[in-house]
Amino acid sequence: MRLDPKKILDPTLFRFLLVGIINTLVGTAVMFGLYNLAGLHTWGDVGYWLSSAANYVVGSVVSFFLNKHFTFRSREKGAGVVVRFVINITVCWVIAYGVAQPATSLALGGLGLSEQLEGNLSMLVGMCLFVGLNYFGQRFFAFRTR
């Protein structure tokens, strides 16, 4: 299967990025607020995963409605589209943050950074990985056209 760049760089990508800005503002505030202000950084790995999960639970609700109606203009109704969306978000989150944490730790391990700073940087890396995976997952799986 060969991907045509014109089909990837279509208006859905730009609408997806606009929705992503909104999701990022909301979700990042939740994630870093919980991790830093609510003190979840003191919980170690559990705080890392809870903070990033809260980001995606809150952001995903916003994302579902905006991407379904605005980005991909899906008219599909019913549980199927919701289930595919949830599967996509879950798989993207596990992969992105599962890769980001050990990769960041490996890359920054010898610098003597605090666990909190390293956790924050790891979450930023996870966010970037998630965006790329999520676009393709939503476009070609969750809101695919029939």
N, C-alpha and C. Protein backbone atom coordinates (compact mmCIF):
# COMPACT_ATOMS: atom_id res chain seq x y z
N MET A 1 0.85 -1.18 0.00
CA MET A 1 0.00 0.00 0.00
C MET A 1 0.89 1.24 0.00
N ARG A 2 0.66 2.12 -0.92
CA ARG A 2 1.46 3.33 -1.05
C ARG A 2 0.63 4.54 -0.61
N LEU A 3 1.20 5.34 0.30
CA LEU A 3 0.50 6.53 0.77
C LEU A 3 0.78 7.71 -0.16
N ASP A 4 -0.27 8.36 -0.56
CA ASP A 4 -0.16 9.55 -1.41
C ASP A 4 -0.08 10.78 -0.49
N PRO A 5 1.03 11.55 -0.56
CA PRO A 5 1.17 12.73 0.31
C PRO A 5 0.01 13.72 0.20
N LYS A 6 -0.61 13.82 -0.98
CA LYS A 6 -1.74 14.73 -1.16
C LYS A 6 -2.94 14.29 -0.33
N LYS A 7 -3.07 12.98 -0.13
CA LYS A 7 -4.19 12.49 0.66
C LYS A 7 -3.93 12.62 2.16
N ILE A 8 -2.68 12.69 2.56
CA ILE A 8 -2.35 12.87 3.97
C ILE A 8 -2.43 14.35 4.34
N LEU A 9 -1.92 15.21 3.48
CA LEU A 9 -1.91 16.65 3.73
C LEU A 9 -3.17 17.31 3.16
N ASP A 10 -4.31 16.81 3.59
CA ASP A 10 -5.58 17.37 3.14
C ASP A 10 -6.18 18.22 4.25
N PRO A 11 -7.34 18.83 4.03
CA PRO A 11 -7.93 19.70 5.05
C PRO A 11 -8.19 19.03 6.41
N THR A 12 -8.35 17.71 6.42
CA THR A 12 -8.59 17.06 7.72
C THR A 12 -7.39 17.21 8.64
N LEU A 13 -6.19 17.20 8.08
CA LEU A 13 -4.99 17.35 8.91
C LEU A 13 -4.97 18.71 9.59
N PHE A 14 -5.31 19.74 8.86
CA PHE A 14 -5.27 21.09 9.43
C PHE A 14 -6.40 21.30 10.45
N ARG A 15 -7.57 20.74 10.18
CA ARG A 15 -8.66 20.82 11.17
C ARG A 15 -8.30 20.00 12.41
N PHE A 16 -7.67 18.85 12.21
CA PHE A 16 -7.23 18.02 13.33
C PHE A 16 -6.24 18.78 14.21
N LEU A 17 -5.31 19.49 13.58
CA LEU A 17 -4.32 20.25 14.34
C LEU A 17 -4.97 21.39 15.12
N LEU A 18 -5.97 22.03 14.55
CA LEU A 18 -6.70 23.09 15.26
C LEU A 18 -7.43 22.52 16.48
N VAL A 19 -8.11 21.41 16.28
CA VAL A 19 -8.77 20.74 17.42
C VAL A 19 -7.71 20.32 18.44
N GLY A 20 -6.57 19.88 17.95
CA GLY A 20 -5.49 19.47 18.83
C GLY A 20 -4.98 20.59 19.72
N ILE A 21 -4.98 21.81 19.20
CA ILE A 21 -4.56 22.95 20.01
C ILE A 21 -5.51 23.11 21.20
N ILE A 22 -6.80 23.01 20.92
CA ILE A 22 -7.79 23.11 22.00
C ILE A 22 -7.61 21.98 23.00
N ASN A 23 -7.48 20.75 22.49
CA ASN A 23 -7.27 19.61 23.39
C ASN A 23 -5.99 19.74 24.20
N THR A 24 -4.96 20.24 23.56
CA THR A 24 -3.67 20.39 24.24
C THR A 24 -3.77 21.38 25.38
N LEU A 25 -4.42 22.50 25.14
CA LEU A 25 -4.57 23.49 26.21
C LEU A 25 -5.34 22.92 27.40
N VAL A 26 -6.44 22.25 27.12
CA VAL A 26 -7.26 21.68 28.20
C VAL A 26 -6.52 20.51 28.88
N GLY A 27 -6.08 19.55 28.08
CA GLY A 27 -5.45 18.35 28.63
C GLY A 27 -4.14 18.61 29.34
N THR A 28 -3.33 19.50 28.78
CA THR A 28 -2.04 19.80 29.40
C THR A 28 -2.24 20.48 30.75
N ALA A 29 -3.22 21.35 30.82
CA ALA A 29 -3.51 21.99 32.12
C ALA A 29 -3.91 20.95 33.15
N VAL A 30 -4.72 19.99 32.75
CA VAL A 30 -5.13 18.91 33.66
C VAL A 30 -3.91 18.07 34.07
N MET A 31 -3.13 17.64 33.08
CA MET A 31 -2.00 16.74 33.34
C MET A 31 -0.94 17.38 34.24
N PHE A 32 -0.46 18.55 33.84
CA PHE A 32 0.60 19.18 34.62
C PHE A 32 0.07 19.75 35.94
N GLY A 33 -1.21 20.14 35.96
CA GLY A 33 -1.82 20.58 37.21
C GLY A 33 -1.86 19.46 38.24
N LEU A 34 -2.29 18.28 37.80
CA LEU A 34 -2.32 17.14 38.71
C LEU A 34 -0.91 16.72 39.12
N TYR A 35 -0.01 16.64 38.14
CA TYR A 35 1.35 16.16 38.41
C TYR A 35 2.11 17.10 39.33
N ASN A 36 2.01 18.41 39.08
CA ASN A 36 2.81 19.38 39.83
C ASN A 36 2.05 20.04 40.97
N LEU A 37 0.88 20.60 40.68
CA LEU A 37 0.14 21.35 41.70
C LEU A 37 -0.57 20.45 42.70
N ALA A 38 -1.14 19.35 42.22
CA ALA A 38 -1.83 18.43 43.12
C ALA A 38 -0.85 17.44 43.78
N GLY A 39 0.41 17.49 43.36
CA GLY A 39 1.44 16.70 44.02
C GLY A 39 1.56 15.25 43.57
N LEU A 40 0.97 14.90 42.42
CA LEU A 40 1.08 13.52 41.98
C LEU A 40 2.50 13.12 41.61
N HIS A 41 3.39 14.10 41.42
CA HIS A 41 4.79 13.77 41.15
C HIS A 41 5.41 13.02 42.34
N THR A 42 4.85 13.19 43.51
CA THR A 42 5.37 12.49 44.70
C THR A 42 4.94 11.03 44.73
N TRP A 43 4.06 10.64 43.84
CA TRP A 43 3.56 9.26 43.78
C TRP A 43 4.39 8.37 42.86
N GLY A 44 5.47 8.91 42.29
CA GLY A 44 6.32 8.13 41.39
C GLY A 44 5.62 7.78 40.09
N ASP A 45 5.82 6.55 39.63
CA ASP A 45 5.22 6.11 38.36
C ASP A 45 3.70 6.18 38.37
N VAL A 46 3.08 5.92 39.49
CA VAL A 46 1.62 5.98 39.57
C VAL A 46 1.13 7.40 39.28
N GLY A 47 1.81 8.40 39.82
CA GLY A 47 1.45 9.79 39.57
C GLY A 47 1.63 10.17 38.12
N TYR A 48 2.70 9.66 37.50
CA TYR A 48 2.96 9.90 36.08
C TYR A 48 1.80 9.37 35.24
N TRP A 49 1.44 8.11 35.48
CA TRP A 49 0.39 7.48 34.67
C TRP A 49 -0.98 8.08 34.96
N LEU A 50 -1.28 8.39 36.20
CA LEU A 50 -2.58 9.00 36.52
C LEU A 50 -2.70 10.39 35.89
N SER A 51 -1.64 11.18 35.95
CA SER A 51 -1.67 12.52 35.38
C SER A 51 -1.86 12.47 33.87
N SER A 52 -1.10 11.61 33.20
CA SER A 52 -1.23 11.53 31.74
C SER A 52 -2.57 10.92 31.35
N ALA A 53 -3.08 9.98 32.13
CA ALA A 53 -4.39 9.38 31.83
C ALA A 53 -5.50 10.42 31.97
N ALA A 54 -5.45 11.23 33.02
CA ALA A 54 -6.47 12.27 33.22
C ALA A 54 -6.47 13.25 32.04
N ASN A 55 -5.29 13.57 31.54
CA ASN A 55 -5.16 14.42 30.37
C ASN A 55 -5.98 13.84 29.22
N TYR A 56 -5.81 12.57 28.97
CA TYR A 56 -6.45 11.96 27.81
C TYR A 56 -7.91 11.61 28.02
N VAL A 57 -8.32 11.41 29.23
CA VAL A 57 -9.76 11.22 29.47
C VAL A 57 -10.50 12.52 29.19
N VAL A 58 -10.03 13.61 29.78
CA VAL A 58 -10.67 14.92 29.59
C VAL A 58 -10.54 15.37 28.14
N GLY A 59 -9.33 15.32 27.61
CA GLY A 59 -9.10 15.75 26.24
C GLY A 59 -9.83 14.90 25.21
N SER A 60 -10.00 13.63 25.50
CA SER A 60 -10.66 12.73 24.56
C SER A 60 -12.14 13.01 24.41
N VAL A 61 -12.77 13.43 25.46
CA VAL A 61 -14.20 13.78 25.37
C VAL A 61 -14.35 14.98 24.43
N VAL A 62 -13.51 15.98 24.61
CA VAL A 62 -13.53 17.16 23.73
C VAL A 62 -13.16 16.74 22.31
N SER A 63 -12.12 15.94 22.19
CA SER A 63 -11.63 15.49 20.89
C SER A 63 -12.69 14.71 20.12
N PHE A 64 -13.38 13.82 20.79
CA PHE A 64 -14.38 13.00 20.11
C PHE A 64 -15.40 13.87 19.40
N PHE A 65 -15.99 14.79 20.12
CA PHE A 65 -17.04 15.60 19.53
C PHE A 65 -16.52 16.55 18.45
N LEU A 66 -15.40 17.21 18.72
CA LEU A 66 -14.87 18.15 17.73
C LEU A 66 -14.36 17.43 16.49
N ASN A 67 -13.63 16.32 16.67
CA ASN A 67 -13.10 15.61 15.50
C ASN A 67 -14.19 14.89 14.73
N LYS A 68 -15.15 14.33 15.42
CA LYS A 68 -16.24 13.63 14.73
C LYS A 68 -17.02 14.60 13.84
N HIS A 69 -17.39 15.73 14.39
CA HIS A 69 -18.27 16.65 13.66
C HIS A 69 -17.52 17.68 12.81
N PHE A 70 -16.42 18.21 13.32
CA PHE A 70 -15.70 19.30 12.64
C PHE A 70 -14.58 18.78 11.73
N THR A 71 -13.71 17.93 12.27
CA THR A 71 -12.53 17.50 11.51
C THR A 71 -12.88 16.51 10.41
N PHE A 72 -13.48 15.39 10.79
CA PHE A 72 -13.72 14.31 9.85
C PHE A 72 -15.15 14.28 9.32
N ARG A 73 -16.02 15.13 9.88
CA ARG A 73 -17.40 15.28 9.44
C ARG A 73 -18.12 13.94 9.30
N SER A 74 -17.92 13.12 10.31
CA SER A 74 -18.54 11.80 10.34
C SER A 74 -20.00 11.91 10.74
N ARG A 75 -20.84 11.23 10.00
CA ARG A 75 -22.27 11.20 10.31
C ARG A 75 -22.66 9.88 10.97
N GLU A 76 -21.67 9.04 11.18
CA GLU A 76 -21.95 7.73 11.78
C GLU A 76 -22.49 7.90 13.20
N LYS A 77 -23.49 7.11 13.50
CA LYS A 77 -24.08 7.13 14.84
C LYS A 77 -23.93 5.74 15.45
N GLY A 78 -24.11 5.68 16.74
CA GLY A 78 -24.09 4.38 17.40
C GLY A 78 -22.82 4.13 18.18
N ALA A 79 -22.81 2.98 18.80
CA ALA A 79 -21.70 2.62 19.68
C ALA A 79 -20.42 2.30 18.93
N GLY A 80 -20.52 1.85 17.69
CA GLY A 80 -19.33 1.45 16.94
C GLY A 80 -18.29 2.53 16.83
N VAL A 81 -18.70 3.73 16.49
CA VAL A 81 -17.76 4.84 16.34
C VAL A 81 -17.14 5.22 17.68
N VAL A 82 -17.92 5.14 18.75
CA VAL A 82 -17.40 5.45 20.09
C VAL A 82 -16.37 4.39 20.50
N VAL A 83 -16.69 3.12 20.25
CA VAL A 83 -15.78 2.03 20.62
C VAL A 83 -14.47 2.15 19.85
N ARG A 84 -14.55 2.40 18.54
CA ARG A 84 -13.31 2.56 17.75
C ARG A 84 -12.49 3.75 18.25
N PHE A 85 -13.16 4.84 18.60
CA PHE A 85 -12.47 6.02 19.11
C PHE A 85 -11.75 5.68 20.42
N VAL A 86 -12.43 5.02 21.33
CA VAL A 86 -11.84 4.66 22.63
C VAL A 86 -10.66 3.70 22.43
N ILE A 87 -10.81 2.73 21.56
CA ILE A 87 -9.71 1.80 21.28
C ILE A 87 -8.51 2.58 20.73
N ASN A 88 -8.76 3.47 19.78
CA ASN A 88 -7.68 4.25 19.19
C ASN A 88 -6.95 5.08 20.24
N ILE A 89 -7.70 5.83 21.04
CA ILE A 89 -7.09 6.68 22.06
C ILE A 89 -6.27 5.85 23.04
N THR A 90 -6.83 4.73 23.46
CA THR A 90 -6.15 3.87 24.44
C THR A 90 -4.85 3.30 23.88
N VAL A 91 -4.90 2.77 22.67
CA VAL A 91 -3.70 2.19 22.06
C VAL A 91 -2.64 3.27 21.84
N CYS A 92 -3.05 4.42 21.33
CA CYS A 92 -2.09 5.52 21.10
C CYS A 92 -1.46 5.98 22.41
N TRP A 93 -2.27 6.10 23.46
CA TRP A 93 -1.77 6.56 24.76
C TRP A 93 -0.77 5.57 25.33
N VAL A 94 -1.11 4.28 25.33
CA VAL A 94 -0.21 3.27 25.89
C VAL A 94 1.11 3.23 25.12
N ILE A 95 1.03 3.25 23.81
CA ILE A 95 2.26 3.22 23.01
C ILE A 95 3.08 4.49 23.23
N ALA A 96 2.44 5.66 23.10
CA ALA A 96 3.19 6.92 23.20
C ALA A 96 3.85 7.09 24.56
N TYR A 97 3.10 6.91 25.61
CA TYR A 97 3.67 7.12 26.95
C TYR A 97 4.52 5.95 27.40
N GLY A 98 4.22 4.76 26.90
CA GLY A 98 5.05 3.59 27.19
C GLY A 98 6.42 3.70 26.57
N VAL A 99 6.51 4.32 25.40
CA VAL A 99 7.80 4.54 24.74
C VAL A 99 8.50 5.77 25.32
N ALA A 100 7.73 6.83 25.59
CA ALA A 100 8.32 8.09 26.03
C ALA A 100 9.05 7.97 27.36
N GLN A 101 8.45 7.29 28.31
CA GLN A 101 9.05 7.23 29.65
C GLN A 101 10.42 6.55 29.65
N PRO A 102 10.54 5.33 29.14
CA PRO A 102 11.88 4.72 29.16
C PRO A 102 12.87 5.41 28.21
N ALA A 103 12.39 5.91 27.08
CA ALA A 103 13.29 6.59 26.14
C ALA A 103 13.85 7.87 26.74
N THR A 104 13.00 8.64 27.40
CA THR A 104 13.45 9.88 28.03
C THR A 104 14.39 9.57 29.19
N SER A 105 14.05 8.57 29.96
CA SER A 105 14.89 8.17 31.09
C SER A 105 16.27 7.72 30.60
N LEU A 106 16.28 6.97 29.51
CA LEU A 106 17.54 6.50 28.94
C LEU A 106 18.36 7.68 28.40
N ALA A 107 17.70 8.60 27.72
CA ALA A 107 18.39 9.73 27.11
C ALA A 107 18.90 10.73 28.15
N LEU A 108 18.16 10.90 29.25
CA LEU A 108 18.51 11.91 30.24
C LEU A 108 19.06 11.34 31.54
N GLY A 109 19.16 10.03 31.62
CA GLY A 109 19.52 9.35 32.86
C GLY A 109 20.80 9.81 33.51
N GLY A 110 21.79 10.15 32.74
CA GLY A 110 23.08 10.53 33.31
C GLY A 110 23.21 12.00 33.64
N LEU A 111 22.15 12.78 33.44
CA LEU A 111 22.24 14.22 33.65
C LEU A 111 21.95 14.65 35.09
N GLY A 112 21.48 13.74 35.90
CA GLY A 112 21.19 14.08 37.29
C GLY A 112 19.98 14.98 37.49
N LEU A 113 19.02 14.90 36.58
CA LEU A 113 17.81 15.71 36.70
C LEU A 113 16.92 15.13 37.79
N SER A 114 16.09 15.97 38.37
CA SER A 114 15.15 15.47 39.38
C SER A 114 14.14 14.55 38.71
N GLU A 115 13.58 13.65 39.49
CA GLU A 115 12.56 12.74 38.97
C GLU A 115 11.37 13.53 38.44
N GLN A 116 11.05 14.63 39.10
CA GLN A 116 9.91 15.45 38.66
C GLN A 116 10.19 16.08 37.30
N LEU A 117 11.37 16.66 37.09
CA LEU A 117 11.70 17.28 35.81
C LEU A 117 11.75 16.22 34.71
N GLU A 118 12.36 15.09 35.01
CA GLU A 118 12.42 14.02 34.02
C GLU A 118 11.01 13.53 33.66
N GLY A 119 10.13 13.45 34.65
CA GLY A 119 8.74 13.06 34.39
C GLY A 119 8.02 14.06 33.50
N ASN A 120 8.25 15.36 33.76
CA ASN A 120 7.65 16.40 32.92
C ASN A 120 8.15 16.31 31.48
N LEU A 121 9.44 16.13 31.30
CA LEU A 121 10.00 16.02 29.96
C LEU A 121 9.49 14.77 29.25
N SER A 122 9.37 13.70 29.98
CA SER A 122 8.84 12.46 29.42
C SER A 122 7.40 12.63 28.96
N MET A 123 6.60 13.36 29.73
CA MET A 123 5.21 13.60 29.32
C MET A 123 5.15 14.47 28.07
N LEU A 124 6.07 15.42 27.92
CA LEU A 124 6.11 16.23 26.70
C LEU A 124 6.44 15.37 25.47
N VAL A 125 7.39 14.46 25.63
CA VAL A 125 7.73 13.54 24.54
C VAL A 125 6.53 12.66 24.21
N GLY A 126 5.86 12.16 25.25
CA GLY A 126 4.68 11.32 25.05
C GLY A 126 3.58 12.06 24.29
N MET A 127 3.40 13.33 24.61
CA MET A 127 2.39 14.14 23.91
C MET A 127 2.69 14.21 22.42
N CYS A 128 3.93 14.41 22.07
CA CYS A 128 4.30 14.51 20.64
C CYS A 128 4.06 13.19 19.91
N LEU A 129 4.47 12.11 20.52
CA LEU A 129 4.24 10.80 19.91
C LEU A 129 2.74 10.52 19.76
N PHE A 130 1.98 10.88 20.77
CA PHE A 130 0.55 10.64 20.77
C PHE A 130 -0.14 11.36 19.61
N VAL A 131 0.23 12.60 19.35
CA VAL A 131 -0.42 13.39 18.29
C VAL A 131 -0.30 12.68 16.94
N GLY A 132 0.89 12.25 16.60
CA GLY A 132 1.09 11.58 15.31
C GLY A 132 0.32 10.28 15.20
N LEU A 133 0.43 9.45 16.21
CA LEU A 133 -0.30 8.18 16.21
C LEU A 133 -1.81 8.40 16.16
N ASN A 134 -2.28 9.36 16.92
CA ASN A 134 -3.71 9.61 17.05
C ASN A 134 -4.33 10.12 15.76
N TYR A 135 -3.63 10.98 15.03
CA TYR A 135 -4.19 11.47 13.77
C TYR A 135 -4.49 10.31 12.83
N PHE A 136 -3.51 9.47 12.62
CA PHE A 136 -3.72 8.36 11.69
C PHE A 136 -4.76 7.37 12.22
N GLY A 137 -4.76 7.15 13.52
CA GLY A 137 -5.76 6.26 14.11
C GLY A 137 -7.17 6.79 13.95
N GLN A 138 -7.36 8.08 14.18
CA GLN A 138 -8.70 8.65 14.03
C GLN A 138 -9.11 8.70 12.56
N ARG A 139 -8.19 9.09 11.71
CA ARG A 139 -8.54 9.24 10.30
C ARG A 139 -8.84 7.90 9.63
N PHE A 140 -8.01 6.90 9.88
CA PHE A 140 -8.14 5.65 9.15
C PHE A 140 -8.83 4.53 9.93
N PHE A 141 -9.14 4.77 11.21
CA PHE A 141 -9.80 3.74 12.00
C PHE A 141 -11.06 4.27 12.68
N ALA A 142 -10.92 5.23 13.56
CA ALA A 142 -12.08 5.68 14.36
C ALA A 142 -13.15 6.33 13.52
N PHE A 143 -12.78 7.25 12.63
CA PHE A 143 -13.75 7.99 11.82
C PHE A 143 -13.59 7.69 10.34
N ARG A 144 -13.16 6.52 10.03
CA ARG A 144 -12.94 6.14 8.62
C ARG A 144 -14.23 6.28 7.82
N THR A 145 -14.06 6.64 6.59
CA THR A 145 -15.23 6.71 5.71
C THR A 145 -15.41 5.34 5.06
N ARG A 146 -16.63 5.00 4.88
CA ARG A 146 -16.92 3.65 4.33
C ARG A 146 -16.97 3.68 2.84
